Amino acid sequence: MLVMIMETGLSCSRKSPTERMDMKE
């Protein structure tokens, strides 16, 4: 489960880093 979330986050950060930052905030 954690691996999936991490992989999804990596893919999102690679696709749109701005979106990932928005999620982190």
C-alpha atoms as a PDB file:
ATOM      1  CA  MET A   1       0.000   0.000   0.000  1.00  0.00           C
ATOM      2  CA  LEU A   2       2.740   2.469   0.959  1.00  0.00           C
ATOM      3  CA  VAL A   3       4.668   1.542  -2.164  1.00  0.00           C
ATOM      4  CA  MET A   4       1.647   2.314  -4.323  1.00  0.00           C
ATOM      5  CA  ILE A   5       1.202   5.732  -2.709  1.00  0.00           C
ATOM      6  CA  MET A   6       4.906   6.474  -3.093  1.00  0.00           C
ATOM      7  CA  GLU A   7       4.864   5.394  -6.745  1.00  0.00           C
ATOM      8  CA  THR A   8       1.776   7.501  -7.409  1.00  0.00           C
ATOM      9  CA  GLY A   9       3.404  10.502  -5.756  1.00  0.00           C
ATOM     10  CA  LEU A  10       6.545  10.025  -7.829  1.00  0.00           C
ATOM     11  CA  SER A  11       4.490   9.791 -11.013  1.00  0.00           C
ATOM     12  CA  CYS A  12       2.511  12.904 -10.058  1.00  0.00           C
ATOM     13  CA  SER A  13       5.667  14.817  -9.194  1.00  0.00           C
ATOM     14  CA  ARG A  14       7.146  13.778 -12.530  1.00  0.00           C
ATOM     15  CA  LYS A  15       3.973  14.716 -14.421  1.00  0.00           C
ATOM     16  CA  SER A  16       3.160  17.931 -12.554  1.00  0.00           C
ATOM     17  CA  PRO A  17       5.405  18.964  -9.634  1.00  0.00           C
ATOM     18  CA  THR A  18       3.126  21.908  -8.927  1.00  0.00           C
ATOM     19  CA  GLU A  19       0.227  19.555  -8.238  1.00  0.00           C
ATOM     20  CA  ARG A  20       2.332  17.446  -5.896  1.00  0.00           C
ATOM     21  CA  MET A  21       3.387  20.579  -3.993  1.00  0.00           C
ATOM     22  CA  ASP A  22      -0.265  21.589  -3.697  1.00  0.00           C
ATOM     23  CA  MET A  23      -1.061  18.171  -2.234  1.00  0.00           C
ATOM     24  CA  LYS A  24       1.872  18.376   0.197  1.00  0.00           C
ATOM     25  CA  GLU A  25       0.734  21.788   1.396  1.00  0.00           C
END
